[in-house]
Amino acid sequence: RELGSYSRPGFRYALPERKTITLLLFRSPEATLAPLDPANPEARWVDAESVASTLSNPVDGRFFRRHVLPLLDGR
């Protein structure tokens, strides 16, 4: 289920770029996570209420809090 999309500035190789981020909801049994991408070696389960404060970019956290959390209330 698509939860929404937004755009924000980002940086790649020290050059500015515009990122479009789309969030999707997947249901899965909680299991041990084993990331395969060496550029993103950490993965963890986080309660929905803690996601916004866990994200490193404040724009990501605001979008999650304003647009995604209300959709998850009716999970």
Protein backbone atom coordinates (compact mmCIF):
# COMPACT_ATOMS: atom_id res chain seq x y z
CA ARG A 1 0.00 0.00 0.00
CA GLU A 2 1.43 3.36 -0.99
CA LEU A 3 1.53 5.84 1.91
CA GLY A 4 2.58 8.94 -0.02
CA SER A 5 5.45 10.69 -1.76
CA TYR A 6 7.35 13.93 -1.25
CA SER A 7 10.42 15.70 -2.62
CA ARG A 8 13.28 17.27 -0.72
CA PRO A 9 16.83 18.44 -1.38
CA GLY A 10 19.55 15.84 -1.04
CA PHE A 11 23.27 15.60 -1.68
CA ARG A 12 25.12 12.92 -3.59
CA TYR A 13 28.85 13.10 -4.20
CA ALA A 14 28.78 16.62 -2.67
CA LEU A 15 26.44 17.82 -5.43
CA PRO A 16 22.92 19.05 -4.75
CA GLU A 17 20.06 16.95 -6.09
CA ARG A 18 16.30 16.70 -5.67
CA LYS A 19 15.09 13.46 -4.10
CA THR A 20 11.58 12.08 -4.47
CA ILE A 21 10.79 9.64 -1.69
CA THR A 22 7.82 7.25 -1.82
CA LEU A 23 6.82 5.34 1.30
CA LEU A 24 5.15 1.94 1.04
CA LEU A 25 3.57 -0.21 3.73
CA PHE A 26 4.41 -3.90 3.77
CA ARG A 27 3.18 -6.43 6.30
CA SER A 28 5.72 -8.98 7.45
CA PRO A 29 6.25 -11.21 10.44
CA GLU A 30 8.92 -9.67 12.64
CA ALA A 31 12.15 -11.49 11.96
CA THR A 32 15.86 -10.87 12.20
CA LEU A 33 16.89 -8.30 9.60
CA ALA A 34 20.00 -8.95 7.51
CA PRO A 35 20.85 -5.95 5.26
CA LEU A 36 22.74 -6.75 2.06
CA ASP A 37 23.67 -3.19 1.03
CA PRO A 38 27.13 -2.26 2.42
CA ALA A 39 26.22 1.44 2.14
CA ASN A 40 23.28 0.83 4.52
CA PRO A 41 24.53 -1.79 6.97
CA GLU A 42 21.98 -1.17 9.73
CA ALA A 43 18.36 -2.30 9.75
CA ARG A 44 16.03 -2.46 12.74
CA TRP A 45 12.37 -2.73 13.57
CA VAL A 46 10.96 0.50 15.03
CA ASP A 47 7.52 1.15 16.50
CA ALA A 48 5.49 3.46 14.24
CA GLU A 49 5.38 6.10 17.00
CA SER A 50 9.22 6.21 17.10
CA VAL A 51 9.91 6.40 13.37
CA ALA A 52 9.88 10.22 13.01
CA SER A 53 12.45 10.73 15.77
CA THR A 54 14.64 7.91 14.38
CA LEU A 55 14.98 9.40 10.88
CA SER A 56 18.12 11.48 10.31
CA ASN A 57 16.53 14.13 8.08
CA PRO A 58 13.96 16.38 9.82
CA VAL A 59 11.92 16.70 6.59
CA ASP A 60 11.51 12.91 6.53
CA GLY A 61 10.36 12.89 10.15
CA ARG A 62 7.83 15.70 9.59
CA PHE A 63 6.35 13.94 6.55
CA PHE A 64 6.04 10.68 8.46
CA ARG A 65 4.41 12.37 11.47
CA ARG A 66 1.96 14.47 9.43
CA HIS A 67 1.02 12.13 6.59
CA VAL A 68 1.89 8.53 7.42
CA LEU A 69 1.05 8.14 11.12
CA PRO A 70 -2.61 9.15 10.58
CA LEU A 71 -2.90 6.48 7.86
CA LEU A 72 -1.45 3.83 10.17
CA ASP A 73 -4.02 4.50 12.90
CA GLY A 74 -6.50 2.39 10.94
CA ARG A 75 -3.96 -0.34 10.14
